[in-house]
C-alpha atoms as a PDB file:
ATOM      1  CA  MET A   1      29.628   3.815 -15.461  1.00  0.00           C
ATOM      2  CA  ILE A   2      33.017   3.623 -13.702  1.00  0.00           C
ATOM      3  CA  ARG A   3      35.724   4.729 -16.137  1.00  0.00           C
ATOM      4  CA  TYR A   4      38.729   4.684 -13.842  1.00  0.00           C
ATOM      5  CA  TYR A   5      39.987   2.246 -11.239  1.00  0.00           C
ATOM      6  CA  LEU A   6      42.594   3.035  -8.616  1.00  0.00           C
ATOM      7  CA  GLU A   7      45.599   0.750  -8.242  1.00  0.00           C
ATOM      8  CA  PHE A   8      44.250  -1.002  -5.153  1.00  0.00           C
ATOM      9  CA  GLU A   9      40.944  -1.615  -6.978  1.00  0.00           C
ATOM     10  CA  ARG A  10      42.521  -3.778  -9.713  1.00  0.00           C
ATOM     11  CA  PRO A  11      41.032  -7.061  -8.372  1.00  0.00           C
ATOM     12  CA  ILE A  12      37.587  -5.446  -8.570  1.00  0.00           C
ATOM     13  CA  GLU A  13      38.222  -4.168 -12.094  1.00  0.00           C
ATOM     14  CA  GLU A  14      39.180  -7.618 -13.388  1.00  0.00           C
ATOM     15  CA  LEU A  15      36.002  -9.192 -12.027  1.00  0.00           C
ATOM     16  CA  GLU A  16      33.702  -6.385 -13.223  1.00  0.00           C
ATOM     17  CA  VAL A  17      35.192  -6.586 -16.717  1.00  0.00           C
ATOM     18  CA  LYS A  18      34.505 -10.320 -16.701  1.00  0.00           C
ATOM     19  CA  ILE A  19      30.909  -9.721 -15.516  1.00  0.00           C
ATOM     20  CA  ASP A  20      30.334  -7.242 -18.350  1.00  0.00           C
ATOM     21  CA  GLU A  21      31.673  -9.761 -20.865  1.00  0.00           C
ATOM     22  CA  LEU A  22      29.351 -12.482 -19.568  1.00  0.00           C
ATOM     23  CA  LYS A  23      26.363 -10.132 -19.762  1.00  0.00           C
ATOM     24  CA  ARG A  24      27.215  -9.299 -23.385  1.00  0.00           C
ATOM     25  CA  ILE A  25      27.564 -12.979 -24.259  1.00  0.00           C
ATOM     26  CA  SER A  26      24.162 -13.852 -22.759  1.00  0.00           C
ATOM     27  CA  ASP A  27      22.343 -10.780 -24.110  1.00  0.00           C
ATOM     28  CA  GLY A  28      19.612 -11.891 -26.505  1.00  0.00           C
ATOM     29  CA  LYS A  29      20.816 -15.476 -26.606  1.00  0.00           C
ATOM     30  CA  ASP A  30      19.493 -18.726 -25.176  1.00  0.00           C
ATOM     31  CA  ILE A  31      22.369 -18.979 -22.726  1.00  0.00           C
ATOM     32  CA  ASP A  32      21.574 -18.887 -19.027  1.00  0.00           C
ATOM     33  CA  ILE A  33      24.668 -17.857 -17.093  1.00  0.00           C
ATOM     34  CA  SER A  34      22.828 -15.740 -14.540  1.00  0.00           C
ATOM     35  CA  SER A  35      23.967 -17.943 -11.664  1.00  0.00           C
ATOM     36  CA  GLU A  36      27.609 -17.477 -12.673  1.00  0.00           C
ATOM     37  CA  ILE A  37      27.101 -13.725 -12.910  1.00  0.00           C
ATOM     38  CA  LYS A  38      25.501 -13.624  -9.456  1.00  0.00           C
ATOM     39  CA  LYS A  39      28.446 -15.527  -7.987  1.00  0.00           C
ATOM     40  CA  LEU A  40      30.909 -13.078  -9.493  1.00  0.00           C
ATOM     41  CA  GLU A  41      28.861 -10.082  -8.325  1.00  0.00           C
ATOM     42  CA  LYS A  42      28.870 -11.454  -4.776  1.00  0.00           C
ATOM     43  CA  LYS A  43      32.620 -11.963  -5.013  1.00  0.00           C
ATOM     44  CA  VAL A  44      33.027  -8.336  -6.145  1.00  0.00           C
ATOM     45  CA  ARG A  45      30.973  -7.107  -3.183  1.00  0.00           C
ATOM     46  CA  ASP A  46      33.028  -9.202  -0.774  1.00  0.00           C
ATOM     47  CA  ILE A  47      36.358  -8.002  -2.193  1.00  0.00           C
ATOM     48  CA  ARG A  48      35.233  -4.387  -2.253  1.00  0.00           C
ATOM     49  CA  SER A  49      34.009  -4.637   1.333  1.00  0.00           C
ATOM     50  CA  GLU A  50      37.347  -6.114   2.389  1.00  0.00           C
ATOM     51  CA  ILE A  51      39.374  -3.434   0.584  1.00  0.00           C
ATOM     52  CA  PHE A  52      37.312  -0.473   1.769  1.00  0.00           C
ATOM     53  CA  SER A  53      37.203  -1.643   5.371  1.00  0.00           C
ATOM     54  CA  SER A  54      40.943  -1.132   5.741  1.00  0.00           C
ATOM     55  CA  LEU A  55      41.882   1.854   3.590  1.00  0.00           C
ATOM     56  CA  THR A  56      45.034   3.780   4.434  1.00  0.00           C
ATOM     57  CA  PRO A  57      44.987   7.617   4.617  1.00  0.00           C
ATOM     58  CA  TRP A  58      46.851   7.756   1.277  1.00  0.00           C
ATOM     59  CA  GLN A  59      44.278   5.492  -0.368  1.00  0.00           C
ATOM     60  CA  LYS A  60      41.497   7.695   0.999  1.00  0.00           C
ATOM     61  CA  THR A  61      43.288  10.698  -0.518  1.00  0.00           C
ATOM     62  CA  LEU A  62      43.271   8.972  -3.905  1.00  0.00           C
ATOM     63  CA  ILE A  63      39.536   8.255  -3.571  1.00  0.00           C
ATOM     64  CA  ALA A  64      38.913  11.912  -2.657  1.00  0.00           C
ATOM     65  CA  ARG A  65      40.609  12.846  -5.956  1.00  0.00           C
ATOM     66  CA  HIS A  66      38.889  10.143  -8.025  1.00  0.00           C
ATOM     67  CA  PRO A  67      38.047  11.593 -11.479  1.00  0.00           C
ATOM     68  CA  ASP A  68      34.582   9.976 -11.422  1.00  0.00           C
ATOM     69  CA  ARG A  69      33.734  11.472  -8.016  1.00  0.00           C
ATOM     70  CA  PRO A  70      30.753  13.881  -8.011  1.00  0.00           C
ATOM     71  CA  TYR A  71      31.654  17.574  -7.942  1.00  0.00           C
ATOM     72  CA  THR A  72      29.813  20.628  -6.616  1.00  0.00           C
ATOM     73  CA  PHE A  73      27.655  21.079  -9.726  1.00  0.00           C
ATOM     74  CA  ASP A  74      26.659  17.414  -9.616  1.00  0.00           C
ATOM     75  CA  TYR A  75      25.379  17.766  -6.057  1.00  0.00           C
ATOM     76  CA  ILE A  76      23.679  21.071  -6.844  1.00  0.00           C
ATOM     77  CA  ASN A  77      21.783  19.404  -9.690  1.00  0.00           C
ATOM     78  CA  MET A  78      20.813  16.457  -7.496  1.00  0.00           C
ATOM     79  CA  ILE A  79      19.760  18.172  -4.258  1.00  0.00           C
ATOM     80  CA  THR A  80      18.563  21.643  -5.272  1.00  0.00           C
ATOM     81  CA  SER A  81      15.731  23.092  -7.294  1.00  0.00           C
ATOM     82  CA  ASP A  82      15.449  26.490  -8.979  1.00  0.00           C
ATOM     83  CA  PHE A  83      19.225  27.032  -8.794  1.00  0.00           C
ATOM     84  CA  ILE A  84      20.400  30.306 -10.289  1.00  0.00           C
ATOM     85  CA  GLU A  85      24.162  30.755 -10.654  1.00  0.00           C
ATOM     86  CA  MET A  86      25.671  34.148  -9.881  1.00  0.00           C
ATOM     87  CA  HIS A  87      28.845  35.391 -11.524  1.00  0.00           C
ATOM     88  CA  GLY A  88      31.591  37.891 -10.813  1.00  0.00           C
ATOM     89  CA  ASP A  89      33.088  39.568  -7.784  1.00  0.00           C
ATOM     90  CA  ARG A  90      32.103  43.137  -8.855  1.00  0.00           C
ATOM     91  CA  ARG A  91      35.816  44.041  -8.781  1.00  0.00           C
ATOM     92  CA  TYR A  92      37.749  42.142 -11.410  1.00  0.00           C
ATOM     93  CA  SER A  93      36.053  39.164 -13.091  1.00  0.00           C
ATOM     94  CA  ASP A  94      34.283  35.840 -12.647  1.00  0.00           C
ATOM     95  CA  ASP A  95      36.185  32.763 -11.480  1.00  0.00           C
ATOM     96  CA  PRO A  96      34.839  29.468 -12.873  1.00  0.00           C
ATOM     97  CA  ALA A  97      36.783  27.504 -10.211  1.00  0.00           C
ATOM     98  CA  ILE A  98      34.040  28.458  -7.739  1.00  0.00           C
ATOM     99  CA  VAL A  99      30.328  28.019  -8.385  1.00  0.00           C
ATOM    100  CA  ALA A 100      27.964  30.255  -6.404  1.00  0.00           C
ATOM    101  CA  GLY A 101      24.270  30.982  -6.504  1.00  0.00           C
ATOM    102  CA  ILE A 102      20.842  30.675  -4.942  1.00  0.00           C
ATOM    103  CA  GLY A 103      18.499  27.695  -4.874  1.00  0.00           C
ATOM    104  CA  LYS A 104      16.251  25.519  -2.738  1.00  0.00           C
ATOM    105  CA  ILE A 105      16.980  22.313  -0.824  1.00  0.00           C
ATOM    106  CA  GLN A 106      13.720  20.568   0.075  1.00  0.00           C
ATOM    107  CA  ASP A 107      11.905  23.926  -0.422  1.00  0.00           C
ATOM    108  CA  MET A 108      14.397  25.650   1.910  1.00  0.00           C
ATOM    109  CA  PRO A 109      15.925  28.738   0.206  1.00  0.00           C
ATOM    110  CA  VAL A 110      19.721  28.643   0.485  1.00  0.00           C
ATOM    111  CA  ILE A 111      22.857  30.272  -0.834  1.00  0.00           C
ATOM    112  CA  ILE A 112      25.367  27.764  -2.211  1.00  0.00           C
ATOM    113  CA  ALA A 113      29.062  28.123  -3.047  1.00  0.00           C
ATOM    114  CA  GLY A 114      31.617  25.468  -3.852  1.00  0.00           C
ATOM    115  CA  HIS A 115      34.755  24.504  -5.731  1.00  0.00           C
ATOM    116  CA  GLN A 116      34.315  22.989  -9.182  1.00  0.00           C
ATOM    117  CA  LYS A 117      37.184  20.949 -10.674  1.00  0.00           C
ATOM    118  CA  GLY A 118      35.630  20.141 -14.031  1.00  0.00           C
ATOM    119  CA  ARG A 119      35.550  16.967 -16.136  1.00  0.00           C
ATOM    120  CA  GLY A 120      37.647  16.392 -19.206  1.00  0.00           C
ATOM    121  CA  THR A 121      40.733  18.365 -20.212  1.00  0.00           C
ATOM    122  CA  LYS A 122      38.875  21.338 -21.688  1.00  0.00           C
ATOM    123  CA  GLU A 123      36.605  21.935 -18.676  1.00  0.00           C
ATOM    124  CA  ARG A 124      39.393  21.299 -16.166  1.00  0.00           C
ATOM    125  CA  ILE A 125      41.484  24.006 -17.796  1.00  0.00           C
ATOM    126  CA  TYR A 126      38.443  26.321 -17.804  1.00  0.00           C
ATOM    127  CA  ARG A 127      37.819  25.594 -14.085  1.00  0.00           C
ATOM    128  CA  ASN A 128      41.566  25.829 -13.349  1.00  0.00           C
ATOM    129  CA  PHE A 129      41.391  22.339 -11.808  1.00  0.00           C
ATOM    130  CA  GLY A 130      39.325  23.705  -8.919  1.00  0.00           C
ATOM    131  CA  GLN A 131      42.046  26.130  -7.806  1.00  0.00           C
ATOM    132  CA  PRO A 132      40.381  29.524  -7.202  1.00  0.00           C
ATOM    133  CA  HIS A 133      41.771  32.959  -7.941  1.00  0.00           C
ATOM    134  CA  PRO A 134      41.097  35.881  -5.536  1.00  0.00           C
ATOM    135  CA  GLU A 135      37.986  36.824  -7.496  1.00  0.00           C
ATOM    136  CA  GLY A 136      36.531  33.396  -6.715  1.00  0.00           C
ATOM    137  CA  TYR A 137      36.754  34.012  -2.985  1.00  0.00           C
ATOM    138  CA  ARG A 138      35.412  37.547  -3.395  1.00  0.00           C
ATOM    139  CA  LYS A 139      32.488  36.201  -5.420  1.00  0.00           C
ATOM    140  CA  THR A 140      31.792  33.730  -2.621  1.00  0.00           C
ATOM    141  CA  LEU A 141      31.851  36.507  -0.035  1.00  0.00           C
ATOM    142  CA  ARG A 142      29.496  38.600  -2.173  1.00  0.00           C
ATOM    143  CA  VAL A 143      26.850  35.879  -2.255  1.00  0.00           C
ATOM    144  CA  MET A 144      27.314  35.129   1.455  1.00  0.00           C
ATOM    145  CA  LYS A 145      26.644  38.783   2.252  1.00  0.00           C
ATOM    146  CA  LEU A 146      23.412  38.436   0.251  1.00  0.00           C
ATOM    147  CA  ALA A 147      22.546  35.410   2.390  1.00  0.00           C
ATOM    148  CA  GLU A 148      23.056  37.465   5.522  1.00  0.00           C
ATOM    149  CA  ARG A 149      20.918  40.303   4.179  1.00  0.00           C
ATOM    150  CA  PHE A 150      18.025  38.042   3.200  1.00  0.00           C
ATOM    151  CA  LYS A 151      18.394  35.668   6.170  1.00  0.00           C
ATOM    152  CA  ARG A 152      19.246  32.578   4.123  1.00  0.00           C
ATOM    153  CA  PRO A 153      21.581  29.781   5.294  1.00  0.00           C
ATOM    154  CA  VAL A 154      24.897  29.357   3.480  1.00  0.00           C
ATOM    155  CA  ILE A 155      25.953  25.940   2.165  1.00  0.00           C
ATOM    156  CA  THR A 156      29.527  25.464   0.957  1.00  0.00           C
ATOM    157  CA  PHE A 157      31.023  22.465  -0.836  1.00  0.00           C
ATOM    158  CA  ILE A 158      34.780  22.067  -0.468  1.00  0.00           C
ATOM    159  CA  ASP A 159      36.824  20.266  -3.117  1.00  0.00           C
ATOM    160  CA  THR A 160      40.134  21.870  -4.060  1.00  0.00           C
ATOM    161  CA  PRO A 161      43.842  21.040  -3.994  1.00  0.00           C
ATOM    162  CA  GLY A 162      44.343  24.635  -2.831  1.00  0.00           C
ATOM    163  CA  ALA A 163      44.123  28.252  -3.930  1.00  0.00           C
ATOM    164  CA  TYR A 164      45.863  29.030  -7.224  1.00  0.00           C
ATOM    165  CA  PRO A 165      49.481  30.099  -6.526  1.00  0.00           C
ATOM    166  CA  GLY A 166      50.116  31.831  -9.870  1.00  0.00           C
ATOM    167  CA  ILE A 167      51.626  35.304 -10.328  1.00  0.00           C
ATOM    168  CA  GLY A 168      48.342  36.889 -11.435  1.00  0.00           C
ATOM    169  CA  ALA A 169      46.505  35.550  -8.386  1.00  0.00           C
ATOM    170  CA  GLU A 170      49.214  36.898  -6.083  1.00  0.00           C
ATOM    171  CA  GLU A 171      49.167  40.274  -7.831  1.00  0.00           C
ATOM    172  CA  ARG A 172      45.422  40.535  -7.251  1.00  0.00           C
ATOM    173  CA  GLY A 173      45.714  39.715  -3.543  1.00  0.00           C
ATOM    174  CA  GLN A 174      45.211  35.976  -3.092  1.00  0.00           C
ATOM    175  CA  ALA A 175      46.230  35.928   0.591  1.00  0.00           C
ATOM    176  CA  GLU A 176      44.160  39.034   1.354  1.00  0.00           C
ATOM    177  CA  ALA A 177      41.055  37.566  -0.321  1.00  0.00           C
ATOM    178  CA  ILE A 178      41.343  34.354   1.740  1.00  0.00           C
ATOM    179  CA  ALA A 179      42.005  36.278   4.958  1.00  0.00           C
ATOM    180  CA  VAL A 180      38.991  38.531   4.422  1.00  0.00           C
ATOM    181  CA  ASN A 181      36.787  35.481   3.824  1.00  0.00           C
ATOM    182  CA  LEU A 182      37.986  33.924   7.076  1.00  0.00           C
ATOM    183  CA  MET A 183      37.245  37.120   8.994  1.00  0.00           C
ATOM    184  CA  GLU A 184      33.870  37.828   7.381  1.00  0.00           C
ATOM    185  CA  MET A 185      32.619  34.243   7.637  1.00  0.00           C
ATOM    186  CA  SER A 186      33.531  34.179  11.335  1.00  0.00           C
ATOM    187  CA  LYS A 187      31.044  36.981  11.994  1.00  0.00           C
ATOM    188  CA  LEU A 188      28.384  36.294   9.336  1.00  0.00           C
ATOM    189  CA  ARG A 189      24.993  36.541  11.026  1.00  0.00           C
ATOM    190  CA  THR A 190      23.360  33.582   9.305  1.00  0.00           C
ATOM    191  CA  PRO A 191      23.868  29.794   9.567  1.00  0.00           C
ATOM    192  CA  ILE A 192      26.814  28.327   7.632  1.00  0.00           C
ATOM    193  CA  ILE A 193      27.045  24.607   6.841  1.00  0.00           C
ATOM    194  CA  SER A 194      30.192  23.346   5.078  1.00  0.00           C
ATOM    195  CA  ILE A 195      30.796  19.925   3.556  1.00  0.00           C
ATOM    196  CA  VAL A 196      34.113  18.543   2.326  1.00  0.00           C
ATOM    197  CA  ILE A 197      33.058  16.461  -0.674  1.00  0.00           C
ATOM    198  CA  GLY A 198      36.509  15.571  -1.988  1.00  0.00           C
ATOM    199  CA  GLU A 199      39.861  17.179  -1.434  1.00  0.00           C
ATOM    200  CA  GLY A 200      40.109  19.954   1.168  1.00  0.00           C
ATOM    201  CA  GLY A 201      43.478  21.558   0.604  1.00  0.00           C
ATOM    202  CA  SER A 202      45.121  24.337   2.630  1.00  0.00           C
ATOM    203  CA  GLY A 203      43.792  27.910   2.840  1.00  0.00           C
ATOM    204  CA  GLY A 204      41.966  27.420  -0.438  1.00  0.00           C
ATOM    205  CA  ALA A 205      39.614  25.061   1.402  1.00  0.00           C
ATOM    206  CA  LEU A 206      39.597  26.927   4.708  1.00  0.00           C
ATOM    207  CA  ALA A 207      38.310  30.075   2.979  1.00  0.00           C
ATOM    208  CA  LEU A 208      34.974  28.289   2.465  1.00  0.00           C
ATOM    209  CA  SER A 209      34.823  26.323   5.713  1.00  0.00           C
ATOM    210  CA  VAL A 210      34.546  28.760   8.623  1.00  0.00           C
ATOM    211  CA  ALA A 211      31.170  27.310   9.505  1.00  0.00           C
ATOM    212  CA  ASP A 212      28.733  26.500  12.297  1.00  0.00           C
ATOM    213  CA  ARG A 213      28.720  22.862  11.193  1.00  0.00           C
ATOM    214  CA  LEU A 214      31.498  21.197   9.204  1.00  0.00           C
ATOM    215  CA  PHE A 215      30.915  17.742   7.744  1.00  0.00           C
ATOM    216  CA  MET A 216      33.086  15.475   5.624  1.00  0.00           C
ATOM    217  CA  LEU A 217      32.162  12.704   3.257  1.00  0.00           C
ATOM    218  CA  GLU A 218      33.486   9.370   4.467  1.00  0.00           C
ATOM    219  CA  HIS A 219      36.342   9.179   1.947  1.00  0.00           C
ATOM    220  CA  SER A 220      37.245  12.859   1.690  1.00  0.00           C
ATOM    221  CA  CYS A 221      40.358  14.524   3.105  1.00  0.00           C
ATOM    222  CA  TYR A 222      41.036  17.904   4.703  1.00  0.00           C
ATOM    223  CA  SER A 223      44.533  19.149   5.445  1.00  0.00           C
ATOM    224  CA  VAL A 224      46.896  22.101   5.624  1.00  0.00           C
ATOM    225  CA  ILE A 225      48.977  20.601   2.787  1.00  0.00           C
ATOM    226  CA  SER A 226      48.858  17.691   0.361  1.00  0.00           C
ATOM    227  CA  PRO A 227      50.790  14.506   1.191  1.00  0.00           C
ATOM    228  CA  GLU A 228      53.033  15.172  -1.823  1.00  0.00           C
ATOM    229  CA  GLY A 229      53.828  18.707  -0.657  1.00  0.00           C
ATOM    230  CA  CYS A 230      54.394  17.531   2.899  1.00  0.00           C
ATOM    231  CA  ALA A 231      56.764  14.764   1.758  1.00  0.00           C
ATOM    232  CA  ALA A 232      58.745  17.170  -0.432  1.00  0.00           C
ATOM    233  CA  ILE A 233      59.231  19.591   2.467  1.00  0.00           C
ATOM    234  CA  LEU A 234      60.014  17.041   5.174  1.00  0.00           C
ATOM    235  CA  TRP A 235      62.352  14.741   3.284  1.00  0.00           C
ATOM    236  CA  LYS A 236      63.801  17.236   0.759  1.00  0.00           C
ATOM    237  CA  LYS A 237      64.325  14.700  -2.002  1.00  0.00           C
ATOM    238  CA  GLU A 238      64.838  15.937  -5.532  1.00  0.00           C
ATOM    239  CA  ASN A 239      63.060  13.603  -7.927  1.00  0.00           C
ATOM    240  CA  ASP A 240      62.799  10.263  -6.151  1.00  0.00           C
ATOM    241  CA  LEU A 241      59.735  10.803  -3.964  1.00  0.00           C
ATOM    242  CA  GLY A 242      57.349   7.896  -4.291  1.00  0.00           C
ATOM    243  CA  THR A 243      54.131   6.334  -3.061  1.00  0.00           C
ATOM    244  CA  ASP A 244      55.760   5.172   0.173  1.00  0.00           C
ATOM    245  CA  ASP A 245      56.750   8.766   0.990  1.00  0.00           C
ATOM    246  CA  PHE A 246      53.274  10.063   0.185  1.00  0.00           C
ATOM    247  CA  SER A 247      51.677   7.328   2.276  1.00  0.00           C
ATOM    248  CA  ARG A 248      53.968   8.127   5.210  1.00  0.00           C
ATOM    249  CA  ALA A 249      53.104  11.828   4.947  1.00  0.00           C
ATOM    250  CA  ALA A 250      49.360  11.111   4.720  1.00  0.00           C
ATOM    251  CA  ASP A 251      49.579   9.021   7.890  1.00  0.00           C
ATOM    252  CA  ALA A 252      51.295  11.863   9.736  1.00  0.00           C
ATOM    253  CA  LEU A 253      48.928  14.588   8.521  1.00  0.00           C
ATOM    254  CA  LYS A 254      45.801  12.982  10.043  1.00  0.00           C
ATOM    255  CA  LEU A 255      43.753  14.191   7.091  1.00  0.00           C
ATOM    256  CA  THR A 256      40.929  11.636   6.995  1.00  0.00           C
ATOM    257  CA  ALA A 257      37.384  12.306   8.151  1.00  0.00           C
ATOM    258  CA  GLN A 258      37.801   9.717  10.890  1.00  0.00           C
ATOM    259  CA  ASP A 259      40.945  11.412  12.255  1.00  0.00           C
ATOM    260  CA  LEU A 260      39.405  14.873  12.165  1.00  0.00           C
ATOM    261  CA  LEU A 261      36.238  13.725  13.914  1.00  0.00           C
ATOM    262  CA  ALA A 262      38.378  12.220  16.668  1.00  0.00           C
ATOM    263  CA  TYR A 263      40.178  15.555  17.041  1.00  0.00           C
ATOM    264  CA  LYS A 264      36.800  17.365  17.124  1.00  0.00           C
ATOM    265  CA  ILE A 265      37.659  19.527  14.123  1.00  0.00           C
ATOM    266  CA  ILE A 266      34.606  18.380  12.182  1.00  0.00           C
ATOM    267  CA  ASP A 267      31.070  17.759  13.419  1.00  0.00           C
ATOM    268  CA  GLY A 268      30.218  14.576  11.588  1.00  0.00           C
ATOM    269  CA  ILE A 269      30.955  12.104   8.799  1.00  0.00           C
ATOM    270  CA  ILE A 270      28.506  11.645   5.935  1.00  0.00           C
ATOM    271  CA  PRO A 271      28.514   7.978   4.836  1.00  0.00           C
ATOM    272  CA  GLU A 272      29.333   7.032   1.259  1.00  0.00           C
ATOM    273  CA  PRO A 273      28.210   3.935  -0.646  1.00  0.00           C
ATOM    274  CA  LEU A 274      30.592   0.978  -0.595  1.00  0.00           C
ATOM    275  CA  GLY A 275      33.290   1.842  -3.124  1.00  0.00           C
ATOM    276  CA  GLY A 276      32.962   5.620  -2.822  1.00  0.00           C
ATOM    277  CA  ALA A 277      30.561   8.410  -3.761  1.00  0.00           C
ATOM    278  CA  HIS A 278      31.068   7.806  -7.499  1.00  0.00           C
ATOM    279  CA  ARG A 279      29.487   4.360  -7.131  1.00  0.00           C
ATOM    280  CA  ASP A 280      26.135   5.891  -6.159  1.00  0.00           C
ATOM    281  CA  PRO A 281      26.073   9.701  -6.599  1.00  0.00           C
ATOM    282  CA  GLU A 282      22.315   9.916  -5.962  1.00  0.00           C
ATOM    283  CA  GLY A 283      22.589   8.022  -2.687  1.00  0.00           C
ATOM    284  CA  THR A 284      25.466  10.228  -1.563  1.00  0.00           C
ATOM    285  CA  ALA A 285      23.524  13.350  -2.525  1.00  0.00           C
ATOM    286  CA  LYS A 286      20.551  12.142  -0.472  1.00  0.00           C
ATOM    287  CA  ASN A 287      22.806  11.677   2.574  1.00  0.00           C
ATOM    288  CA  ILE A 288      24.243  15.162   2.107  1.00  0.00           C
ATOM    289  CA  SER A 289      20.793  16.719   1.776  1.00  0.00           C
ATOM    290  CA  GLU A 290      19.594  15.023   4.963  1.00  0.00           C
ATOM    291  CA  HIS A 291      22.609  16.289   6.921  1.00  0.00           C
ATOM    292  CA  ILE A 292      22.110  19.833   5.628  1.00  0.00           C
ATOM    293  CA  VAL A 293      18.423  19.910   6.556  1.00  0.00           C
ATOM    294  CA  ALA A 294      19.033  18.380   9.999  1.00  0.00           C
ATOM    295  CA  ALA A 295      21.826  20.866  10.751  1.00  0.00           C
ATOM    296  CA  PHE A 296      19.706  23.813   9.656  1.00  0.00           C
ATOM    297  CA  GLU A 297      16.760  22.654  11.775  1.00  0.00           C
ATOM    298  CA  GLU A 298      19.092  22.863  14.767  1.00  0.00           C
ATOM    299  CA  LEU A 299      20.768  26.150  13.818  1.00  0.00           C
ATOM    300  CA  LYS A 300      17.634  28.091  12.855  1.00  0.00           C
ATOM    301  CA  THR A 301      16.526  28.202  16.499  1.00  0.00           C
ATOM    302  CA  LYS A 302      19.575  30.318  17.398  1.00  0.00           C
ATOM    303  CA  THR A 303      19.668  34.115  17.163  1.00  0.00           C
ATOM    304  CA  PRO A 304      22.263  35.707  14.845  1.00  0.00           C
ATOM    305  CA  GLY A 305      24.227  36.889  17.870  1.00  0.00           C
ATOM    306  CA  LYS A 306      24.218  33.386  19.370  1.00  0.00           C
ATOM    307  CA  LEU A 307      25.387  31.884  16.068  1.00  0.00           C
ATOM    308  CA  VAL A 308      28.383  34.214  15.899  1.00  0.00           C
ATOM    309  CA  GLU A 309      29.242  33.658  19.561  1.00  0.00           C
ATOM    310  CA  GLU A 310      29.130  29.853  19.261  1.00  0.00           C
ATOM    311  CA  ARG A 311      31.079  29.940  15.997  1.00  0.00           C
ATOM    312  CA  TYR A 312      33.813  31.923  17.736  1.00  0.00           C
ATOM    313  CA  LYS A 313      33.936  29.461  20.640  1.00  0.00           C
ATOM    314  CA  ARG A 314      33.938  26.525  18.249  1.00  0.00           C
ATOM    315  CA  PHE A 315      37.159  27.623  16.603  1.00  0.00           C
ATOM    316  CA  ARG A 316      38.787  28.720  19.843  1.00  0.00           C
ATOM    317  CA  LYS A 317      38.402  25.160  21.151  1.00  0.00           C
ATOM    318  CA  ILE A 318      40.256  23.541  18.249  1.00  0.00           C
ATOM    319  CA  GLY A 319      43.694  22.233  19.182  1.00  0.00           C
ATOM    320  CA  SER A 320      45.388  21.697  22.534  1.00  0.00           C
ATOM    321  CA  PHE A 321      48.649  22.500  24.227  1.00  0.00           C
ATOM    322  CA  ILE A 322      50.495  21.739  27.423  1.00  0.00           C
ATOM    323  CA  GLU A 323      51.901  24.615  29.442  1.00  0.00           C
ATOM    324  CA  GLU A 324      54.903  23.789  31.582  1.00  0.00           C
ATOM    325  CA  THR A 325      56.299  25.973  34.332  1.00  0.00           C
ATOM    326  CA  GLU A 326      59.648  25.686  35.982  1.00  0.00           C
END
């Protein structure tokens, strides 16, 4: 059940509320209003199709953050079997903001790691709103090293506003933990498949996305900074930043899956149901599973040395510049 509607979805909300009322009125009574309900349902589909065919980058950012959107644990439960979660970084503690463990996807043994934001106030505080501490990244690296040892592919799910910037995280080496992950993932001798399922923010997302194949869900975002942070830096306003500023920043950041595919930063876009992943989590999970299996079928033919070499070349090709000489 959808519990939350975004501002631009208000026309849909009004009609769906009316449909629910009509269904309650007709339930168990000799009143046939099925034709009226069908008309309204068709109208909802038409309006939703119109809205979602012309989303702005800022609107896509809001969908990527939607509180009903499936998180890492949701996808793990839907696409894996025999999942066993692993805890702790063997140095300091466990970080609930990152879930990591072993499981099977279509009988294929894999290692999985991903950000977990949590639902409800209590769990969100426990998961630190999906913002990892250094121990979260070190836990991830620990399980990825196990994947390398036992020749298992690594699957990562990315969904974070960024790494936690608190004093404790900095004291325990936040930047160093992210940097080590980037270095170690770049030379990990086993396939790595990363999927941005929601919000991919800054180094906190990058630390799980140095991969052989990087995919994004259709309405996810992936950027060096949030539109709000970008707007605050660029326009240096005190307290009067608004939606127009955030929208302008989102346009400039080129953070959508469609933009990043055009720039050849990601390898593909995983389609979502009309209205977003939260409208049909099982269907979205099926699409994700199919992309993972297809990518692994391609990558498993490559030797470990070839994987590392191609991964290096992949990242060296990102970006472009023009060199001028006098």
